[in-house]
C-alpha atoms as a PDB file:
ATOM      1  CA  MET A   1     -16.712-178.116  67.585  1.00  0.00           C
ATOM      2  CA  MET A   2     -19.647-180.448  68.591  1.00  0.00           C
ATOM      3  CA  LYS A   3     -18.674-183.628  70.366  1.00  0.00           C
ATOM      4  CA  SER A   4     -21.431-185.601  69.922  1.00  0.00           C
ATOM      5  CA  LYS A   5     -25.190-185.805  68.971  1.00  0.00           C
ATOM      6  CA  THR A   6     -26.145-183.303  72.018  1.00  0.00           C
ATOM      7  CA  LEU A   7     -29.942-183.035  73.409  1.00  0.00           C
ATOM      8  CA  ILE A   8     -30.891-179.646  74.829  1.00  0.00           C
ATOM      9  CA  VAL A   9     -33.065-179.522  77.619  1.00  0.00           C
ATOM     10  CA  LEU A  10     -35.069-176.684  78.416  1.00  0.00           C
ATOM     11  CA  LEU A  11     -36.509-176.775  81.638  1.00  0.00           C
ATOM     12  CA  GLY A  12     -38.346-174.310  84.169  1.00  0.00           C
ATOM     13  CA  PRO A  13     -41.430-173.602  86.429  1.00  0.00           C
ATOM     14  CA  THR A  14     -44.668-172.775  84.817  1.00  0.00           C
ATOM     15  CA  GLY A  15     -44.838-169.706  83.589  1.00  0.00           C
ATOM     16  CA  VAL A  16     -41.245-168.846  83.660  1.00  0.00           C
ATOM     17  CA  GLY A  17     -41.628-168.211  79.738  1.00  0.00           C
ATOM     18  CA  LYS A  18     -39.835-170.931  78.127  1.00  0.00           C
ATOM     19  CA  THR A  19     -42.243-171.252  74.866  1.00  0.00           C
ATOM     20  CA  GLU A  20     -40.550-168.124  73.155  1.00  0.00           C
ATOM     21  CA  LEU A  21     -36.865-169.214  74.290  1.00  0.00           C
ATOM     22  CA  SER A  22     -37.791-172.827  72.934  1.00  0.00           C
ATOM     23  CA  LEU A  23     -38.928-171.158  69.672  1.00  0.00           C
ATOM     24  CA  GLN A  24     -35.632-169.614  69.070  1.00  0.00           C
ATOM     25  CA  ILE A  25     -33.643-172.339  70.046  1.00  0.00           C
ATOM     26  CA  ALA A  26     -35.490-174.262  67.917  1.00  0.00           C
ATOM     27  CA  GLU A  27     -34.699-171.833  64.702  1.00  0.00           C
ATOM     28  CA  LYS A  28     -31.162-171.190  66.026  1.00  0.00           C
ATOM     29  CA  PHE A  29     -30.144-174.730  65.773  1.00  0.00           C
ATOM     30  CA  GLU A  30     -32.631-176.020  62.894  1.00  0.00           C
ATOM     31  CA  CYS A  31     -34.777-178.611  64.735  1.00  0.00           C
ATOM     32  CA  PRO A  32     -37.996-179.214  66.368  1.00  0.00           C
ATOM     33  CA  ILE A  33     -39.325-179.107  69.761  1.00  0.00           C
ATOM     34  CA  ILE A  34     -39.722-181.970  71.660  1.00  0.00           C
ATOM     35  CA  ASN A  35     -43.022-181.022  73.988  1.00  0.00           C
ATOM     36  CA  ALA A  36     -42.416-182.219  77.753  1.00  0.00           C
ATOM     37  CA  ASP A  37     -45.402-181.087  79.050  1.00  0.00           C
ATOM     38  CA  SER A  38     -47.944-183.956  79.976  1.00  0.00           C
ATOM     39  CA  ARG A  39     -51.263-182.192  79.471  1.00  0.00           C
ATOM     40  CA  GLN A  40     -50.582-180.050  76.052  1.00  0.00           C
ATOM     41  CA  ILE A  41     -50.158-183.476  74.327  1.00  0.00           C
ATOM     42  CA  TYR A  42     -54.059-183.720  74.333  1.00  0.00           C
ATOM     43  CA  LYS A  43     -56.296-182.185  72.156  1.00  0.00           C
ATOM     44  CA  ASP A  44     -59.336-179.760  73.103  1.00  0.00           C
ATOM     45  CA  ILE A  45     -57.296-177.965  75.990  1.00  0.00           C
ATOM     46  CA  GLU A  46     -55.675-175.756  74.303  1.00  0.00           C
ATOM     47  CA  ILE A  47     -56.105-172.472  76.218  1.00  0.00           C
ATOM     48  CA  GLY A  48     -55.886-174.487  80.023  1.00  0.00           C
ATOM     49  CA  THR A  49     -52.463-176.020  79.288  1.00  0.00           C
ATOM     50  CA  ALA A  50     -51.274-172.636  77.369  1.00  0.00           C
ATOM     51  CA  ALA A  51     -50.668-174.796  74.268  1.00  0.00           C
ATOM     52  CA  PRO A  52     -48.852-173.203  71.572  1.00  0.00           C
ATOM     53  CA  THR A  53     -50.417-171.229  69.232  1.00  0.00           C
ATOM     54  CA  ALA A  54     -51.345-171.922  65.681  1.00  0.00           C
ATOM     55  CA  GLU A  55     -48.834-169.090  64.649  1.00  0.00           C
ATOM     56  CA  GLU A  56     -46.149-170.827  67.048  1.00  0.00           C
ATOM     57  CA  LEU A  57     -46.833-174.241  65.511  1.00  0.00           C
ATOM     58  CA  ASP A  58     -46.365-172.864  62.250  1.00  0.00           C
ATOM     59  CA  ARG A  59     -43.360-171.541  62.960  1.00  0.00           C
ATOM     60  CA  VAL A  60     -41.546-174.702  64.560  1.00  0.00           C
ATOM     61  CA  LYS A  61     -42.191-177.927  64.022  1.00  0.00           C
ATOM     62  CA  HIS A  62     -43.545-179.605  67.216  1.00  0.00           C
ATOM     63  CA  TYR A  63     -44.027-183.085  68.721  1.00  0.00           C
ATOM     64  CA  PHE A  64     -46.594-184.120  71.523  1.00  0.00           C
ATOM     65  CA  VAL A  65     -48.887-181.047  70.786  1.00  0.00           C
ATOM     66  CA  HIS A  66     -52.135-182.195  70.322  1.00  0.00           C
ATOM     67  CA  GLU A  67     -52.174-185.555  69.560  1.00  0.00           C
ATOM     68  CA  LEU A  68     -54.014-187.425  72.209  1.00  0.00           C
ATOM     69  CA  ALA A  69     -57.800-187.547  72.537  1.00  0.00           C
ATOM     70  CA  LEU A  70     -58.752-186.401  76.513  1.00  0.00           C
ATOM     71  CA  ASP A  71     -59.752-189.915  76.805  1.00  0.00           C
ATOM     72  CA  ASP A  72     -56.368-191.979  75.592  1.00  0.00           C
ATOM     73  CA  TYR A  73     -54.094-193.657  78.042  1.00  0.00           C
ATOM     74  CA  TYR A  74     -50.650-191.858  78.122  1.00  0.00           C
ATOM     75  CA  ASN A  75     -47.927-192.431  80.761  1.00  0.00           C
ATOM     76  CA  ALA A  76     -44.120-191.499  81.055  1.00  0.00           C
ATOM     77  CA  ALA A  77     -43.084-194.831  80.010  1.00  0.00           C
ATOM     78  CA  GLU A  78     -44.526-194.693  77.084  1.00  0.00           C
ATOM     79  CA  TYR A  79     -43.232-191.180  76.883  1.00  0.00           C
ATOM     80  CA  GLU A  80     -40.033-192.403  77.330  1.00  0.00           C
ATOM     81  CA  LYS A  81     -39.863-195.151  74.180  1.00  0.00           C
ATOM     82  CA  ASP A  82     -41.478-191.995  71.847  1.00  0.00           C
ATOM     83  CA  VAL A  83     -38.888-189.909  72.790  1.00  0.00           C
ATOM     84  CA  LEU A  84     -36.329-191.887  72.220  1.00  0.00           C
ATOM     85  CA  SER A  85     -37.997-193.118  68.796  1.00  0.00           C
ATOM     86  CA  ILE A  86     -37.812-189.468  67.306  1.00  0.00           C
ATOM     87  CA  LEU A  87     -34.606-188.799  68.743  1.00  0.00           C
ATOM     88  CA  ASP A  88     -33.008-192.205  67.014  1.00  0.00           C
ATOM     89  CA  GLU A  89     -34.734-190.257  63.662  1.00  0.00           C
ATOM     90  CA  GLN A  90     -33.624-187.253  64.468  1.00  0.00           C
ATOM     91  CA  PHE A  91     -29.828-187.372  64.963  1.00  0.00           C
ATOM     92  CA  GLN A  92     -29.746-189.473  61.755  1.00  0.00           C
ATOM     93  CA  SER A  93     -30.123-185.841  60.032  1.00  0.00           C
ATOM     94  CA  ARG A  94     -28.631-183.197  62.846  1.00  0.00           C
ATOM     95  CA  ASP A  95     -26.491-182.610  65.328  1.00  0.00           C
ATOM     96  CA  VAL A  96     -28.936-181.407  67.646  1.00  0.00           C
ATOM     97  CA  ALA A  97     -32.069-181.748  69.128  1.00  0.00           C
ATOM     98  CA  LEU A  98     -34.490-180.077  71.808  1.00  0.00           C
ATOM     99  CA  LEU A  99     -36.602-180.906  74.799  1.00  0.00           C
ATOM    100  CA  SER A 100     -38.934-178.342  76.469  1.00  0.00           C
ATOM    101  CA  GLY A 101     -41.227-178.459  79.024  1.00  0.00           C
ATOM    102  CA  GLY A 102     -42.174-178.435  82.754  1.00  0.00           C
ATOM    103  CA  SER A 103     -43.107-182.059  83.355  1.00  0.00           C
ATOM    104  CA  MET A 104     -40.358-183.430  85.605  1.00  0.00           C
ATOM    105  CA  MET A 105     -41.464-186.596  85.389  1.00  0.00           C
ATOM    106  CA  TYR A 106     -41.492-186.276  81.621  1.00  0.00           C
ATOM    107  CA  ILE A 107     -38.290-185.158  81.757  1.00  0.00           C
ATOM    108  CA  ASP A 108     -36.650-187.178  83.777  1.00  0.00           C
ATOM    109  CA  ALA A 109     -38.092-190.312  81.865  1.00  0.00           C
ATOM    110  CA  VAL A 110     -35.914-189.338  78.648  1.00  0.00           C
ATOM    111  CA  VAL A 111     -32.825-188.082  81.140  1.00  0.00           C
ATOM    112  CA  LYS A 112     -32.894-190.788  83.014  1.00  0.00           C
ATOM    113  CA  GLY A 113     -35.160-193.611  81.959  1.00  0.00           C
ATOM    114  CA  ILE A 114     -37.883-194.595  83.770  1.00  0.00           C
ATOM    115  CA  ASP A 115     -37.752-198.127  85.802  1.00  0.00           C
ATOM    116  CA  ASP A 116     -39.838-201.010  83.534  1.00  0.00           C
ATOM    117  CA  ILE A 117     -43.126-201.091  85.154  1.00  0.00           C
ATOM    118  CA  PRO A 118     -45.943-203.314  83.977  1.00  0.00           C
ATOM    119  CA  THR A 119     -48.720-201.130  82.476  1.00  0.00           C
ATOM    120  CA  VAL A 120     -51.920-201.322  84.873  1.00  0.00           C
ATOM    121  CA  ASP A 121     -54.631-203.219  82.814  1.00  0.00           C
ATOM    122  CA  ASP A 122     -58.096-201.904  82.682  1.00  0.00           C
ATOM    123  CA  ASP A 123     -59.861-204.193  85.211  1.00  0.00           C
ATOM    124  CA  THR A 124     -57.258-203.081  88.195  1.00  0.00           C
ATOM    125  CA  ARG A 125     -57.490-199.435  87.092  1.00  0.00           C
ATOM    126  CA  ASN A 126     -61.373-199.256  87.193  1.00  0.00           C
ATOM    127  CA  MET A 127     -61.357-201.292  90.102  1.00  0.00           C
ATOM    128  CA  MET A 128     -58.596-198.525  92.191  1.00  0.00           C
ATOM    129  CA  LYS A 129     -60.491-195.744  90.740  1.00  0.00           C
ATOM    130  CA  GLU A 130     -63.682-197.129  92.118  1.00  0.00           C
ATOM    131  CA  ARG A 131     -61.869-197.620  95.816  1.00  0.00           C
ATOM    132  CA  LEU A 132     -60.631-194.517  95.424  1.00  0.00           C
ATOM    133  CA  GLU A 133     -64.358-192.512  95.188  1.00  0.00           C
ATOM    134  CA  LYS A 134     -65.922-195.214  97.886  1.00  0.00           C
ATOM    135  CA  GLU A 135     -63.438-195.497 100.523  1.00  0.00           C
ATOM    136  CA  GLY A 136     -61.263-192.196 100.269  1.00  0.00           C
ATOM    137  CA  LEU A 137     -57.181-191.811  99.875  1.00  0.00           C
ATOM    138  CA  ASP A 138     -56.470-192.266 103.748  1.00  0.00           C
ATOM    139  CA  VAL A 139     -58.002-195.958 103.708  1.00  0.00           C
ATOM    140  CA  LEU A 140     -55.456-196.468 100.722  1.00  0.00           C
ATOM    141  CA  LEU A 141     -52.496-194.864 102.284  1.00  0.00           C
ATOM    142  CA  GLU A 142     -52.879-197.366 105.079  1.00  0.00           C
ATOM    143  CA  GLU A 143     -53.067-200.394 102.482  1.00  0.00           C
ATOM    144  CA  LEU A 144     -50.100-198.930 101.050  1.00  0.00           C
ATOM    145  CA  ARG A 145     -48.283-199.163 104.404  1.00  0.00           C
ATOM    146  CA  LEU A 146     -48.909-202.800 104.984  1.00  0.00           C
ATOM    147  CA  LEU A 147     -48.007-203.540 101.652  1.00  0.00           C
ATOM    148  CA  ASP A 148     -45.274-201.990 100.367  1.00  0.00           C
ATOM    149  CA  PRO A 149     -44.065-199.565 103.926  1.00  0.00           C
ATOM    150  CA  GLU A 150     -40.866-198.859 101.918  1.00  0.00           C
ATOM    151  CA  HIS A 151     -42.514-197.008  99.144  1.00  0.00           C
ATOM    152  CA  TYR A 152     -45.099-195.934 101.438  1.00  0.00           C
ATOM    153  CA  ALA A 153     -41.925-193.662 103.053  1.00  0.00           C
ATOM    154  CA  ILE A 154     -41.391-191.907 100.243  1.00  0.00           C
ATOM    155  CA  VAL A 155     -44.438-191.611  98.313  1.00  0.00           C
ATOM    156  CA  ASP A 156     -46.121-188.084  98.101  1.00  0.00           C
ATOM    157  CA  LYS A 157     -48.811-189.143 100.519  1.00  0.00           C
ATOM    158  CA  LYS A 158     -51.128-185.941  99.169  1.00  0.00           C
ATOM    159  CA  ASN A 159     -51.001-187.425  95.241  1.00  0.00           C
ATOM    160  CA  HIS A 160     -53.451-189.711  95.084  1.00  0.00           C
ATOM    161  CA  LYS A 161     -52.108-190.463  91.334  1.00  0.00           C
ATOM    162  CA  ARG A 162     -49.257-192.287  93.017  1.00  0.00           C
ATOM    163  CA  VAL A 163     -50.421-193.859  95.582  1.00  0.00           C
ATOM    164  CA  VAL A 164     -53.095-195.300  93.826  1.00  0.00           C
ATOM    165  CA  HIS A 165     -50.594-196.269  90.839  1.00  0.00           C
ATOM    166  CA  ALA A 166     -48.714-198.429  93.617  1.00  0.00           C
ATOM    167  CA  LEU A 167     -51.557-200.147  94.835  1.00  0.00           C
ATOM    168  CA  GLU A 168     -52.531-200.900  91.124  1.00  0.00           C
ATOM    169  CA  ILE A 169     -48.966-202.786  90.516  1.00  0.00           C
ATOM    170  CA  CYS A 170     -49.509-204.139  94.039  1.00  0.00           C
ATOM    171  CA  TYR A 171     -52.474-206.339  92.877  1.00  0.00           C
ATOM    172  CA  MET A 172     -52.037-206.528  89.793  1.00  0.00           C
ATOM    173  CA  THR A 173     -48.422-208.178  89.974  1.00  0.00           C
ATOM    174  CA  GLY A 174     -48.685-209.638  93.449  1.00  0.00           C
ATOM    175  CA  LYS A 175     -45.120-207.739  94.208  1.00  0.00           C
ATOM    176  CA  THR A 176     -44.449-204.645  95.707  1.00  0.00           C
ATOM    177  CA  TYR A 177     -44.123-201.171  93.789  1.00  0.00           C
ATOM    178  CA  THR A 178     -40.577-201.055  95.200  1.00  0.00           C
ATOM    179  CA  SER A 179     -39.436-204.195  93.475  1.00  0.00           C
ATOM    180  CA  PHE A 180     -39.784-203.177  89.866  1.00  0.00           C
ATOM    181  CA  ARG A 181     -37.808-199.541  91.005  1.00  0.00           C
ATOM    182  CA  SER A 182     -34.069-199.680  90.378  1.00  0.00           C
ATOM    183  CA  ASN A 183     -33.258-196.140  90.431  1.00  0.00           C
ATOM    184  CA  ILE A 184     -30.678-196.696  88.053  1.00  0.00           C
ATOM    185  CA  THR A 185     -30.027-193.826  85.058  1.00  0.00           C
ATOM    186  CA  LYS A 186     -30.349-195.184  81.789  1.00  0.00           C
ATOM    187  CA  GLU A 187     -27.356-194.970  79.620  1.00  0.00           C
ATOM    188  CA  ARG A 188     -28.225-192.787  76.558  1.00  0.00           C
ATOM    189  CA  PRO A 189     -26.245-192.394  73.140  1.00  0.00           C
ATOM    190  CA  PHE A 190     -25.901-189.050  73.075  1.00  0.00           C
ATOM    191  CA  ARG A 191     -25.147-186.018  75.486  1.00  0.00           C
ATOM    192  CA  ILE A 192     -27.603-184.512  77.121  1.00  0.00           C
ATOM    193  CA  VAL A 193     -27.170-180.646  78.192  1.00  0.00           C
ATOM    194  CA  LYS A 194     -29.943-178.770  80.612  1.00  0.00           C
ATOM    195  CA  PHE A 195     -30.909-175.577  80.787  1.00  0.00           C
ATOM    196  CA  GLY A 196     -32.825-174.049  83.317  1.00  0.00           C
ATOM    197  CA  LEU A 197     -35.255-170.443  82.921  1.00  0.00           C
ATOM    198  CA  MET A 198     -35.277-168.570  86.205  1.00  0.00           C
ATOM    199  CA  ARG A 199     -37.145-165.030  87.013  1.00  0.00           C
ATOM    200  CA  ASP A 200     -37.310-163.877  90.729  1.00  0.00           C
ATOM    201  CA  ARG A 201     -39.682-165.469  92.255  1.00  0.00           C
ATOM    202  CA  GLU A 202     -42.545-162.574  92.899  1.00  0.00           C
ATOM    203  CA  LYS A 203     -42.082-161.551  89.179  1.00  0.00           C
ATOM    204  CA  LEU A 204     -42.692-165.058  88.517  1.00  0.00           C
ATOM    205  CA  PHE A 205     -45.807-164.973  90.196  1.00  0.00           C
ATOM    206  CA  SER A 206     -46.869-161.991  88.968  1.00  0.00           C
ATOM    207  CA  ARG A 207     -46.594-163.283  85.339  1.00  0.00           C
ATOM    208  CA  ILE A 208     -48.506-166.437  86.050  1.00  0.00           C
ATOM    209  CA  ASN A 209     -51.223-164.387  87.754  1.00  0.00           C
ATOM    210  CA  SER A 210     -51.254-162.194  84.315  1.00  0.00           C
ATOM    211  CA  ARG A 211     -51.492-165.222  82.200  1.00  0.00           C
ATOM    212  CA  VAL A 212     -54.454-167.077  84.239  1.00  0.00           C
ATOM    213  CA  ASP A 213     -56.073-163.526  83.617  1.00  0.00           C
ATOM    214  CA  LYS A 214     -55.448-163.902  79.957  1.00  0.00           C
ATOM    215  CA  MET A 215     -56.639-167.138  79.843  1.00  0.00           C
ATOM    216  CA  MET A 216     -59.793-166.314  80.621  1.00  0.00           C
ATOM    217  CA  ARG A 217     -60.056-163.374  78.461  1.00  0.00           C
ATOM    218  CA  ASP A 218     -59.221-166.293  75.614  1.00  0.00           C
ATOM    219  CA  GLY A 219     -62.087-168.352  76.697  1.00  0.00           C
ATOM    220  CA  LEU A 220     -60.744-170.808  79.092  1.00  0.00           C
ATOM    221  CA  MET A 221     -64.656-170.771  80.459  1.00  0.00           C
ATOM    222  CA  ASP A 222     -65.631-171.625  77.031  1.00  0.00           C
ATOM    223  CA  GLU A 223     -63.463-174.738  77.008  1.00  0.00           C
ATOM    224  CA  VAL A 224     -63.871-176.063  80.127  1.00  0.00           C
ATOM    225  CA  LYS A 225     -67.967-175.968  79.394  1.00  0.00           C
ATOM    226  CA  ARG A 226     -66.999-177.765  76.374  1.00  0.00           C
ATOM    227  CA  VAL A 227     -64.962-180.683  78.067  1.00  0.00           C
ATOM    228  CA  TYR A 228     -67.189-180.779  81.328  1.00  0.00           C
ATOM    229  CA  PRO A 229     -69.110-183.592  80.637  1.00  0.00           C
ATOM    230  CA  LEU A 230     -65.652-185.836  80.086  1.00  0.00           C
ATOM    231  CA  ARG A 231     -64.485-184.016  83.960  1.00  0.00           C
ATOM    232  CA  HIS A 232     -63.679-187.585  85.201  1.00  0.00           C
ATOM    233  CA  LEU A 233     -60.689-188.435  83.047  1.00  0.00           C
ATOM    234  CA  ASN A 234     -57.345-187.856  84.249  1.00  0.00           C
ATOM    235  CA  SER A 235     -56.074-185.763  81.391  1.00  0.00           C
ATOM    236  CA  LEU A 236     -58.569-183.213  83.139  1.00  0.00           C
ATOM    237  CA  ASN A 237     -57.592-183.945  86.438  1.00  0.00           C
ATOM    238  CA  THR A 238     -55.292-180.442  86.336  1.00  0.00           C
ATOM    239  CA  VAL A 239     -55.464-176.977  87.654  1.00  0.00           C
ATOM    240  CA  GLY A 240     -57.509-174.615  85.647  1.00  0.00           C
ATOM    241  CA  TYR A 241     -60.038-177.555  84.867  1.00  0.00           C
ATOM    242  CA  LYS A 242     -60.563-178.796  88.684  1.00  0.00           C
ATOM    243  CA  GLU A 243     -61.774-175.266  89.854  1.00  0.00           C
ATOM    244  CA  LEU A 244     -63.922-174.284  86.625  1.00  0.00           C
ATOM    245  CA  PHE A 245     -65.880-177.609  87.198  1.00  0.00           C
ATOM    246  CA  LYS A 246     -66.591-176.773  90.754  1.00  0.00           C
ATOM    247  CA  VAL A 247     -68.241-173.223  89.119  1.00  0.00           C
ATOM    248  CA  LEU A 248     -69.851-175.606  86.774  1.00  0.00           C
ATOM    249  CA  ASP A 249     -71.102-177.573  89.403  1.00  0.00           C
ATOM    250  CA  GLY A 250     -72.327-174.462  91.651  1.00  0.00           C
ATOM    251  CA  GLU A 251     -70.121-175.199  94.367  1.00  0.00           C
ATOM    252  CA  TRP A 252     -67.898-171.692  94.161  1.00  0.00           C
ATOM    253  CA  GLU A 253     -68.023-168.402  92.321  1.00  0.00           C
ATOM    254  CA  LEU A 254     -66.359-167.629  89.493  1.00  0.00           C
ATOM    255  CA  PRO A 255     -63.859-164.822  91.227  1.00  0.00           C
ATOM    256  CA  MET A 256     -62.893-167.391  93.814  1.00  0.00           C
ATOM    257  CA  ALA A 257     -62.337-170.239  91.007  1.00  0.00           C
ATOM    258  CA  VAL A 258     -59.946-167.680  89.075  1.00  0.00           C
ATOM    259  CA  GLU A 259     -58.025-166.843  92.740  1.00  0.00           C
ATOM    260  CA  ARG A 260     -57.701-170.823  93.226  1.00  0.00           C
ATOM    261  CA  ILE A 261     -56.301-171.153  89.933  1.00  0.00           C
ATOM    262  CA  LYS A 262     -53.595-168.645  90.155  1.00  0.00           C
ATOM    263  CA  LYS A 263     -53.107-170.153  94.167  1.00  0.00           C
ATOM    264  CA  ASN A 264     -52.553-173.693  92.946  1.00  0.00           C
ATOM    265  CA  THR A 265     -50.713-172.712  89.699  1.00  0.00           C
ATOM    266  CA  ARG A 266     -47.826-170.995  92.104  1.00  0.00           C
ATOM    267  CA  VAL A 267     -48.191-173.811  94.106  1.00  0.00           C
ATOM    268  CA  TYR A 268     -47.007-176.300  91.133  1.00  0.00           C
ATOM    269  CA  ALA A 269     -44.479-173.824  90.204  1.00  0.00           C
ATOM    270  CA  LYS A 270     -42.914-174.170  93.902  1.00  0.00           C
ATOM    271  CA  LYS A 271     -43.125-177.723  93.334  1.00  0.00           C
ATOM    272  CA  GLN A 272     -41.090-177.637  89.941  1.00  0.00           C
ATOM    273  CA  ILE A 273     -38.753-174.979  91.512  1.00  0.00           C
ATOM    274  CA  THR A 274     -37.877-177.538  94.338  1.00  0.00           C
ATOM    275  CA  TRP A 275     -37.559-180.364  92.447  1.00  0.00           C
ATOM    276  CA  TYR A 276     -35.291-178.627  89.859  1.00  0.00           C
ATOM    277  CA  LYS A 277     -33.064-177.437  92.914  1.00  0.00           C
ATOM    278  CA  HIS A 278     -32.034-181.185  93.509  1.00  0.00           C
ATOM    279  CA  ASP A 279     -30.483-181.315  90.001  1.00  0.00           C
ATOM    280  CA  ALA A 280     -26.533-180.242  89.963  1.00  0.00           C
ATOM    281  CA  ASP A 281     -26.339-180.628  86.179  1.00  0.00           C
ATOM    282  CA  ILE A 282     -28.740-177.591  85.132  1.00  0.00           C
ATOM    283  CA  HIS A 283     -26.782-174.476  83.644  1.00  0.00           C
ATOM    284  CA  TRP A 284     -29.280-171.736  85.023  1.00  0.00           C
ATOM    285  CA  LEU A 285     -30.354-168.663  83.057  1.00  0.00           C
ATOM    286  CA  ASP A 286     -31.899-165.621  84.558  1.00  0.00           C
ATOM    287  CA  ALA A 287     -34.389-164.191  82.300  1.00  0.00           C
ATOM    288  CA  ASP A 288     -34.472-161.198  84.586  1.00  0.00           C
ATOM    289  CA  VAL A 289     -31.312-160.071  83.677  1.00  0.00           C
ATOM    290  CA  MET A 290     -30.176-161.881  80.451  1.00  0.00           C
ATOM    291  CA  SER A 291     -31.420-161.126  76.795  1.00  0.00           C
ATOM    292  CA  THR A 292     -32.548-163.699  75.000  1.00  0.00           C
ATOM    293  CA  SER A 293     -29.772-162.901  72.731  1.00  0.00           C
ATOM    294  CA  ASP A 294     -27.598-163.705  75.501  1.00  0.00           C
ATOM    295  CA  MET A 295     -29.206-166.575  76.606  1.00  0.00           C
ATOM    296  CA  LEU A 296     -28.820-168.160  73.216  1.00  0.00           C
ATOM    297  CA  LYS A 297     -25.075-167.681  72.930  1.00  0.00           C
ATOM    298  CA  THR A 298     -24.486-169.154  76.403  1.00  0.00           C
ATOM    299  CA  ILE A 299     -26.599-172.108  75.379  1.00  0.00           C
ATOM    300  CA  GLU A 300     -24.554-172.084  72.567  1.00  0.00           C
ATOM    301  CA  ASN A 301     -21.004-171.883  73.654  1.00  0.00           C
ATOM    302  CA  GLU A 302     -21.897-174.850  76.329  1.00  0.00           C
ATOM    303  CA  ILE A 303     -23.266-176.941  73.055  1.00  0.00           C
ATOM    304  CA  TYR A 304     -20.070-176.265  71.258  1.00  0.00           C
ATOM    305  CA  PHE A 305     -17.564-175.547  73.034  1.00  0.00           C
ATOM    306  CA  ASN A 306     -17.336-177.240  76.645  1.00  0.00           C
END
């Protein structure tokens, strides 16, 4: 018997096979899928983001798929607020909800909560974007070291978005980015049970390579050409699009770009795996040895009897 309203979280690295399992979980528990992919939420980039197909969307209702225009601003804090509102509505009529995806910050926003960091205004965002383009990341990193040494010590120094955002907060508020971070997990009025889908690393990488080849056959290059005029947008600053933009810019040959997409996707999968390793609450499901029915049975047992 279920003890309380329960949110199932299905996570795992890109290409591991979350989509089909999430559909079967949703059908098993008769609930929609709340998508946790920060790029699939946008319209017009279905192929490169491996978004659910029309058939899959017809099969199960999805939230946060093809909802925003490419130039819409959206972040993890807004996602947290929107998902909690949907869950409040869903739990009025059902006992189980499903959150599925691979965007670590989006999942953490729902599971742990995100700090109440102010939304950056357009003037500050545009100013910092211009500075990044003109002065480069190294200059901004040194500035962050002086303004907020505590955050500088832990920030991913190769991730320009994280560095720039911390500086945006510093300039807009006159306070350090660190001062807005509490790192306190928020209480949720429902139980959260996390399941991670895993595979042997070499098998995962082979699946990623095959998926990129399929994306190219399905028309990824045509999709990239359609959004090329918008290549400056943050929504398109992602694997698959960045590499093919270089082809259209005349910097790379297509075969090289495709191989780089595969490599960068594998690197992203490694980052996801490293992130998940720090979470002892994840119940791991080995897709190499477990059938889908076995995984569903494991999930059902955990939900109802533990």
